[in-house]
N, C-alpha and C. Protein backbone atom coordinates (compact mmCIF):
# COMPACT_ATOMS: atom_id res chain seq x y z
N MET A 1 27.14 34.25 34.28
CA MET A 1 28.80 33.74 34.85
C MET A 1 28.81 32.99 33.81
N TYR A 2 28.06 32.12 32.78
CA TYR A 2 28.49 31.19 32.10
C TYR A 2 27.68 30.99 30.86
N GLU A 3 27.62 30.44 29.93
CA GLU A 3 26.15 30.53 28.91
C GLU A 3 25.71 29.39 29.01
N PRO A 4 24.97 29.58 29.19
CA PRO A 4 24.17 27.60 29.00
C PRO A 4 24.31 27.03 27.38
N ILE A 5 24.47 25.43 27.50
CA ILE A 5 24.54 24.81 26.25
C ILE A 5 23.09 24.59 25.60
N ARG A 6 23.24 25.26 24.35
CA ARG A 6 22.04 25.34 23.65
C ARG A 6 21.58 24.02 22.97
N THR A 7 22.56 23.61 22.35
CA THR A 7 22.08 22.31 21.66
C THR A 7 22.53 21.09 22.22
N LYS A 8 21.97 20.00 21.57
CA LYS A 8 21.99 18.82 22.52
C LYS A 8 23.22 17.99 22.40
N SER A 9 23.49 17.32 23.11
CA SER A 9 25.15 16.53 23.50
C SER A 9 24.94 15.33 22.30
N VAL A 10 25.78 15.53 21.38
CA VAL A 10 26.57 14.50 20.43
C VAL A 10 26.32 12.47 21.00
N HIS A 11 26.55 13.27 22.55
CA HIS A 11 26.95 11.69 23.15
C HIS A 11 25.95 11.55 24.55
N SER A 12 24.54 11.81 23.52
CA SER A 12 23.46 11.29 24.32
C SER A 12 23.24 9.65 24.57
N THR A 13 22.20 9.67 25.40
CA THR A 13 22.73 7.87 25.67
C THR A 13 20.86 7.61 26.02
N MET A 14 20.28 8.75 26.01
CA MET A 14 18.84 8.47 26.61
C MET A 14 18.67 7.33 25.90
N ALA A 15 17.60 6.42 26.62
CA ALA A 15 16.66 5.32 25.99
C ALA A 15 15.87 5.89 25.21
N GLY A 16 15.60 5.40 24.14
CA GLY A 16 14.55 5.82 23.21
C GLY A 16 14.97 6.89 22.20
N SER A 17 16.12 7.30 22.17
CA SER A 17 16.41 8.86 21.63
C SER A 17 16.97 8.39 20.16
N THR A 18 17.02 8.39 19.16
CA THR A 18 17.92 8.72 17.88
C THR A 18 18.87 9.60 17.74
N SER A 19 20.22 9.10 17.60
CA SER A 19 21.08 10.15 16.86
C SER A 19 21.17 10.56 15.43
N ASP A 20 21.72 12.21 15.07
CA ASP A 20 22.10 12.51 14.05
C ASP A 20 23.22 11.56 13.54
N PHE A 21 24.09 11.32 14.52
CA PHE A 21 25.27 10.42 13.67
C PHE A 21 25.66 9.22 13.71
N PRO A 22 26.44 9.06 12.38
CA PRO A 22 26.43 7.66 12.06
C PRO A 22 27.62 6.79 12.90
N HIS A 23 27.07 5.19 13.36
CA HIS A 23 27.61 4.82 14.25
C HIS A 23 28.12 3.17 13.14
N ARG A 24 29.53 2.74 13.54
CA ARG A 24 29.73 1.95 12.45
C ARG A 24 29.92 1.18 13.06
N SER A 25 29.62 -0.31 12.92
CA SER A 25 29.89 -1.72 13.21
C SER A 25 31.20 -2.02 13.66
N ARG A 26 30.82 -3.10 14.34
CA ARG A 26 32.92 -3.64 14.65
C ARG A 26 33.91 -3.91 13.53
N GLU A 27 32.67 -4.62 12.71
CA GLU A 27 33.29 -5.25 11.15
C GLU A 27 33.60 -3.99 10.95
N GLU A 28 33.21 -2.58 10.39
CA GLU A 28 33.35 -1.85 9.67
C GLU A 28 35.09 -0.75 10.29
N GLU A 29 35.03 -0.84 11.71
CA GLU A 29 35.98 -0.31 11.96
C GLU A 29 37.26 -1.51 11.59
N LEU A 30 36.91 -2.55 12.38
CA LEU A 30 38.28 -3.57 11.71
C LEU A 30 38.41 -3.59 10.37
N ASP A 31 37.68 -3.35 9.14
CA ASP A 31 37.94 -3.17 8.18
C ASP A 31 38.64 -1.91 7.82
N ILE A 32 38.02 -0.46 8.54
CA ILE A 32 38.98 0.23 8.44
C ILE A 32 40.40 0.51 9.13
N GLN A 33 40.46 -0.52 10.12
CA GLN A 33 42.03 -0.77 10.67
C GLN A 33 42.96 -1.63 9.77
N LEU A 34 41.92 -2.77 9.58
CA LEU A 34 43.13 -3.33 8.67
C LEU A 34 43.59 -3.07 7.12
N ALA A 35 42.44 -2.09 6.80
CA ALA A 35 43.02 -1.45 5.84
C ALA A 35 44.24 -0.42 5.95
N GLY A 36 44.11 0.36 6.70
CA GLY A 36 45.21 1.10 7.08
C GLY A 36 46.38 0.58 7.48
N HIS A 37 46.52 -0.58 7.90
CA HIS A 37 47.46 -1.22 8.13
C HIS A 37 48.31 -1.78 6.95
N LEU A 38 47.61 -2.41 6.03
CA LEU A 38 47.68 -2.44 4.90
C LEU A 38 48.29 -1.57 4.11
N ALA A 39 47.34 -0.44 4.17
CA ALA A 39 48.45 0.92 3.06
C ALA A 39 49.18 1.11 3.34
N ALA A 40 49.74 0.96 5.03
CA ALA A 40 51.10 1.42 5.53
C ALA A 40 51.99 0.67 4.89
N LEU A 41 51.79 -0.77 5.45
CA LEU A 41 52.71 -2.06 4.71
C LEU A 41 52.75 -1.57 3.42
N LEU A 42 51.84 -1.39 2.57
CA LEU A 42 52.20 -1.35 0.90
C LEU A 42 53.16 0.08 0.32
N ALA A 43 52.78 1.18 1.32
CA ALA A 43 53.59 2.41 1.43
C ALA A 43 55.34 1.71 1.69
N VAL A 44 55.45 0.89 2.49
CA VAL A 44 56.89 0.29 2.88
C VAL A 44 57.30 -0.37 1.93
N THR A 45 56.37 -1.40 1.41
CA THR A 45 56.77 -2.02 0.41
C THR A 45 57.06 -1.51 -0.95
N ASP A 46 56.39 -0.27 -1.01
CA ASP A 46 56.65 0.26 -2.45
C ASP A 46 58.68 1.34 -2.34
N GLU A 47 58.48 1.43 -1.20
CA GLU A 47 60.12 2.12 -0.96
C GLU A 47 61.10 0.94 -0.79
N LEU A 48 61.17 -0.16 -0.57
CA LEU A 48 61.70 -1.31 -0.59
C LEU A 48 62.01 -1.60 -2.01
N ARG A 49 60.87 -1.33 -2.97
CA ARG A 49 60.91 -2.05 -4.45
C ARG A 49 61.54 -0.48 -5.30
N ALA A 50 61.85 0.40 -4.56
CA ALA A 50 62.58 1.38 -5.12
C ALA A 50 63.67 1.36 -4.84
N LEU A 51 64.16 0.96 -3.83
CA LEU A 51 65.54 0.35 -3.63
C LEU A 51 66.56 -0.77 -3.95
N ALA A 52 65.28 -1.94 -3.74
CA ALA A 52 65.96 -3.20 -3.98
C ALA A 52 64.74 -3.90 -4.84
N PRO A 53 64.83 -3.29 -6.05
CA PRO A 53 63.53 -4.01 -6.90
C PRO A 53 63.83 -5.74 -6.96
N SER A 54 62.47 -6.27 -6.68
CA SER A 54 62.37 -7.51 -6.87
C SER A 54 61.03 -8.12 -7.45
N ASP A 55 60.84 -9.34 -8.01
CA ASP A 55 59.43 -9.76 -8.58
C ASP A 55 59.03 -9.96 -7.43
N ASP A 56 59.43 -10.51 -5.83
CA ASP A 56 58.46 -10.96 -4.83
C ASP A 56 57.89 -9.91 -4.48
N LEU A 57 58.85 -8.31 -3.92
CA LEU A 57 58.08 -7.43 -3.86
C LEU A 57 56.98 -6.43 -4.98
N ASN A 58 57.30 -6.83 -6.00
CA ASN A 58 56.33 -6.62 -7.05
C ASN A 58 55.02 -6.76 -6.39
N ALA A 59 55.21 -8.49 -6.68
CA ALA A 59 53.96 -9.47 -6.24
C ALA A 59 53.29 -8.97 -5.16
N ALA A 60 53.91 -8.77 -3.99
CA ALA A 60 53.37 -8.62 -3.49
C ALA A 60 52.66 -7.36 -3.03
N ALA A 61 53.26 -5.86 -3.55
CA ALA A 61 53.03 -4.68 -3.49
C ALA A 61 51.21 -4.94 -4.16
N ASP A 62 51.43 -5.42 -5.63
CA ASP A 62 50.03 -5.77 -6.14
C ASP A 62 48.97 -6.56 -5.19
N ARG A 63 49.38 -7.99 -4.68
CA ARG A 63 48.26 -8.17 -3.49
C ARG A 63 47.87 -7.39 -2.40
N LEU A 64 49.01 -6.34 -1.94
CA LEU A 64 48.29 -5.65 -0.82
C LEU A 64 47.52 -4.44 -1.48
N ALA A 65 47.75 -4.27 -2.83
CA ALA A 65 46.99 -3.23 -2.99
C ALA A 65 45.63 -3.62 -3.47
N GLU A 66 45.77 -4.85 -4.02
CA GLU A 66 43.91 -5.62 -4.10
C GLU A 66 43.55 -5.53 -2.63
N GLN A 67 44.07 -6.16 -1.82
CA GLN A 67 43.27 -5.65 -0.68
C GLN A 67 43.27 -4.99 0.09
N VAL A 68 43.64 -3.93 0.23
CA VAL A 68 43.25 -2.67 0.06
C VAL A 68 42.19 -1.91 -0.29
N ALA A 69 42.03 -2.13 -1.91
CA ALA A 69 41.12 -1.71 -2.44
C ALA A 69 39.51 -2.30 -1.84
N ARG A 70 40.33 -4.02 -1.95
CA ARG A 70 39.05 -4.77 -1.45
C ARG A 70 38.24 -4.37 -0.19
N LEU A 71 39.20 -3.93 1.09
CA LEU A 71 38.60 -3.15 2.31
C LEU A 71 37.88 -2.02 2.13
N ARG A 72 37.94 -1.25 1.46
CA ARG A 72 37.93 -0.16 1.23
C ARG A 72 37.32 0.19 -0.04
N GLY A 73 36.11 -1.13 -0.52
CA GLY A 73 34.75 -0.82 -1.24
C GLY A 73 35.31 -0.50 -2.84
N GLY A 74 36.58 -0.87 -2.79
CA GLY A 74 36.85 -0.53 -4.48
C GLY A 74 37.68 0.72 -4.52
N ASP A 75 38.14 1.40 -3.87
CA ASP A 75 38.80 2.57 -3.83
C ASP A 75 40.42 1.96 -3.78
N ALA A 76 41.08 2.40 -4.81
CA ALA A 76 42.27 1.99 -5.35
C ALA A 76 43.34 2.98 -3.83
N PRO A 77 43.98 2.45 -3.30
CA PRO A 77 45.09 2.83 -2.79
C PRO A 77 46.15 3.92 -3.78
N VAL A 78 46.20 4.93 -2.58
CA VAL A 78 47.17 6.14 -3.17
C VAL A 78 48.30 5.57 -3.41
N ARG A 79 49.26 5.64 -4.46
CA ARG A 79 50.81 5.02 -4.45
C ARG A 79 51.59 5.85 -4.74
N VAL A 80 52.72 6.44 -3.78
CA VAL A 80 53.56 7.30 -4.30
C VAL A 80 55.11 6.73 -4.60
N PRO A 81 55.60 6.76 -6.10
CA PRO A 81 56.95 6.09 -6.01
C PRO A 81 58.34 6.90 -5.30
N VAL A 82 58.86 6.07 -5.20
CA VAL A 82 59.88 6.68 -4.33
C VAL A 82 61.44 6.84 -4.82
N THR A 83 61.84 8.16 -5.03
CA THR A 83 62.86 8.66 -5.93
C THR A 83 64.10 8.80 -5.19
N ALA A 84 63.98 8.99 -4.00
CA ALA A 84 65.17 9.27 -3.19
C ALA A 84 65.79 7.97 -2.45
N ALA A 85 66.88 7.23 -2.95
CA ALA A 85 67.25 6.23 -2.61
C ALA A 85 68.08 6.31 -1.35
N GLN A 86 67.93 5.55 -0.40
CA GLN A 86 69.05 5.79 0.86
C GLN A 86 70.06 4.81 0.59
N PRO A 87 71.10 4.72 1.92
CA PRO A 87 71.91 3.89 1.88
C PRO A 87 71.59 2.56 2.01
N ALA A 88 72.19 1.31 1.96
CA ALA A 88 71.66 -0.06 2.34
C ALA A 88 71.44 -0.43 3.91
N PRO A 89 71.92 0.49 5.18
CA PRO A 89 71.46 0.30 6.32
C PRO A 89 69.80 0.62 6.55
N HIS A 90 69.38 1.45 5.54
CA HIS A 90 68.22 1.70 5.50
C HIS A 90 67.42 0.86 5.03
N LEU A 91 67.90 -0.36 4.28
CA LEU A 91 67.24 -1.27 3.93
C LEU A 91 66.65 -2.21 5.07
N ALA A 92 67.50 -2.55 5.67
CA ALA A 92 67.18 -2.83 7.14
C ALA A 92 66.18 -2.59 7.96
N ALA A 93 66.04 -1.14 8.20
CA ALA A 93 65.06 -0.17 8.81
C ALA A 93 64.00 -0.46 8.45
N LEU A 94 63.75 -0.49 6.65
CA LEU A 94 62.53 -0.73 6.24
C LEU A 94 61.99 -2.18 6.55
N HIS A 95 62.80 -3.21 6.38
CA HIS A 95 62.51 -4.52 6.98
C HIS A 95 61.61 -4.89 8.37
N ARG A 96 62.18 -4.13 9.06
CA ARG A 96 61.87 -4.19 10.11
C ARG A 96 60.77 -3.65 10.25
N ARG A 97 60.52 -2.22 9.85
CA ARG A 97 59.22 -1.54 9.72
C ARG A 97 58.13 -2.61 9.24
N ALA A 98 58.39 -2.71 8.11
CA ALA A 98 57.26 -3.95 7.12
C ALA A 98 57.25 -5.02 8.35
N HIS A 99 58.04 -5.65 8.87
CA HIS A 99 57.31 -6.56 9.90
C HIS A 99 56.38 -6.14 10.95
N THR A 100 56.89 -5.75 11.42
CA THR A 100 56.44 -4.53 12.15
C THR A 100 54.35 -4.52 11.81
N LEU A 101 54.74 -3.80 10.62
CA LEU A 101 52.69 -3.50 9.94
C LEU A 101 52.15 -4.82 9.80
N ALA A 102 53.05 -5.62 9.26
CA ALA A 102 52.52 -6.96 8.66
C ALA A 102 52.09 -7.77 10.03
N GLY A 103 52.55 -7.89 10.61
CA GLY A 103 52.48 -8.31 12.12
C GLY A 103 51.11 -7.50 12.61
N ARG A 104 50.88 -6.31 12.60
CA ARG A 104 49.84 -5.49 13.00
C ARG A 104 48.67 -5.92 12.33
N ALA A 105 48.73 -5.99 10.96
CA ALA A 105 47.65 -6.67 10.15
C ALA A 105 47.20 -7.87 10.29
N LEU A 106 48.16 -8.66 10.81
CA LEU A 106 47.68 -10.07 11.08
C LEU A 106 47.21 -10.03 12.10
N VAL A 107 47.17 -9.65 13.16
CA VAL A 107 46.67 -9.31 14.58
C VAL A 107 44.94 -9.16 14.20
N VAL A 108 44.87 -7.98 13.17
CA VAL A 108 43.53 -7.21 13.16
C VAL A 108 42.83 -8.04 11.97
N ALA A 109 43.31 -9.08 11.13
CA ALA A 109 42.75 -10.11 10.19
C ALA A 109 42.35 -11.12 10.78
N ALA A 110 43.13 -11.50 11.57
CA ALA A 110 43.11 -12.87 12.32
C ALA A 110 41.52 -12.44 13.54
N SER A 111 41.56 -11.42 13.99
CA SER A 111 40.22 -10.72 14.99
C SER A 111 39.14 -10.50 14.05
N ARG A 112 39.36 -10.57 12.72
CA ARG A 112 38.26 -9.91 11.69
C ARG A 112 38.01 -11.65 10.96
N ALA A 113 38.59 -12.18 11.13
CA ALA A 113 38.44 -13.86 10.17
C ALA A 113 38.47 -13.27 8.73
N ASP A 114 39.73 -12.50 8.61
CA ASP A 114 40.07 -12.40 7.08
C ASP A 114 40.97 -13.20 6.89
N THR A 115 40.49 -14.25 6.22
CA THR A 115 41.39 -15.88 5.68
C THR A 115 42.62 -14.83 4.83
N ALA A 116 42.02 -14.32 3.76
CA ALA A 116 43.37 -13.65 2.75
C ALA A 116 44.08 -12.61 3.14
N ALA A 117 43.59 -11.70 3.75
CA ALA A 117 44.22 -10.82 4.49
C ALA A 117 45.55 -11.60 5.33
N ALA A 118 45.10 -11.92 6.44
CA ALA A 118 45.71 -13.04 7.29
C ALA A 118 46.76 -13.64 6.65
N ILE A 119 46.84 -14.52 5.76
CA ILE A 119 47.44 -15.23 4.49
C ILE A 119 48.85 -14.13 4.22
N LEU A 120 47.95 -13.28 3.67
CA LEU A 120 49.33 -12.27 2.79
C LEU A 120 50.01 -11.74 4.44
N ALA A 121 49.57 -11.30 5.09
CA ALA A 121 49.95 -10.91 6.53
C ALA A 121 51.21 -11.66 6.82
N ALA A 122 50.69 -12.97 7.15
CA ALA A 122 51.91 -13.74 7.42
C ALA A 122 53.09 -14.10 6.55
N GLU A 123 53.01 -14.05 5.48
CA GLU A 123 53.39 -14.39 4.36
C GLU A 123 54.94 -13.20 3.97
N ARG A 124 54.11 -12.04 4.53
CA ARG A 124 55.20 -10.56 4.42
C ARG A 124 55.92 -10.59 5.47
N MET A 125 55.38 -10.90 6.41
CA MET A 125 56.40 -11.32 7.94
C MET A 125 57.74 -12.26 7.68
N ASP A 126 56.99 -13.46 6.97
CA ASP A 126 58.05 -14.25 6.72
C ASP A 126 59.13 -13.93 5.98
N ALA A 127 58.82 -12.91 5.05
CA ALA A 127 59.07 -12.34 3.54
C ALA A 127 60.74 -11.73 4.45
N HIS A 128 60.28 -10.90 5.21
CA HIS A 128 60.79 -9.61 6.05
C HIS A 128 61.82 -10.14 6.89
N THR A 129 61.13 -11.37 7.68
CA THR A 129 62.30 -11.77 8.75
C THR A 129 63.25 -12.09 7.56
N ALA A 130 63.30 -13.58 6.49
CA ALA A 130 63.99 -13.90 6.09
C ALA A 130 65.15 -12.68 5.29
N ALA A 131 64.89 -11.45 4.82
CA ALA A 131 65.44 -10.23 4.37
C ALA A 131 66.33 -9.57 5.24
N LEU A 132 66.13 -9.63 6.69
CA LEU A 132 66.69 -9.22 7.97
C LEU A 132 67.71 -10.47 8.31
N GLU A 133 67.38 -11.23 8.15
CA GLU A 133 68.41 -12.71 8.71
C GLU A 133 70.01 -12.86 8.48
N PRO A 134 70.24 -12.71 7.39
CA PRO A 134 71.88 -12.41 7.30
C PRO A 134 72.41 -11.10 7.21
N ARG A 135 71.65 -9.97 7.74
CA ARG A 135 72.14 -8.66 8.09
C ARG A 135 71.86 -9.12 9.71
N GLU A 136 70.93 -9.22 10.22
CA GLU A 136 71.37 -9.48 11.44
C GLU A 136 72.50 -10.03 12.19
N LEU A 137 72.50 -11.46 11.43
CA LEU A 137 73.37 -12.38 11.78
C LEU A 137 74.94 -11.75 11.64
N ALA A 138 75.32 -11.19 10.38
CA ALA A 138 76.33 -10.39 10.20
C ALA A 138 76.63 -9.19 10.81
N SER A 139 75.84 -8.39 11.75
CA SER A 139 75.81 -7.33 12.49
C SER A 139 76.20 -8.19 13.83
N HIS A 140 76.34 -9.38 14.04
CA HIS A 140 76.64 -10.08 15.74
C HIS A 140 77.81 -10.19 15.59
């Protein structure tokens, strides 16, 4: 009627048994999560740099790339240059997206007690808030 299971479950929790698959610590999981948030923020920052170049965004992108590489054990993040610029309303959406990503990175950095990443994320949140304020006020 059915085929019996012939292999051991990977979810075995029997006392004294050793598993063949690796486990990551909480710190390693938080590193992976923080690197992902910062890499996503870097991608949005690179897109903003392509649409509205500035020294602040250049410096932020470099710092984000350094943090991602540190969290990934020296592996530099992939950076794709953005070539297709969209109209100005797209800038506001990118700033909102970057603010959200920086907030997520800040939460993970705080729970991980990573001061450098937390400071960088907070600075980016402030910068994207400042970039949005004139547009948000003008639209009301």
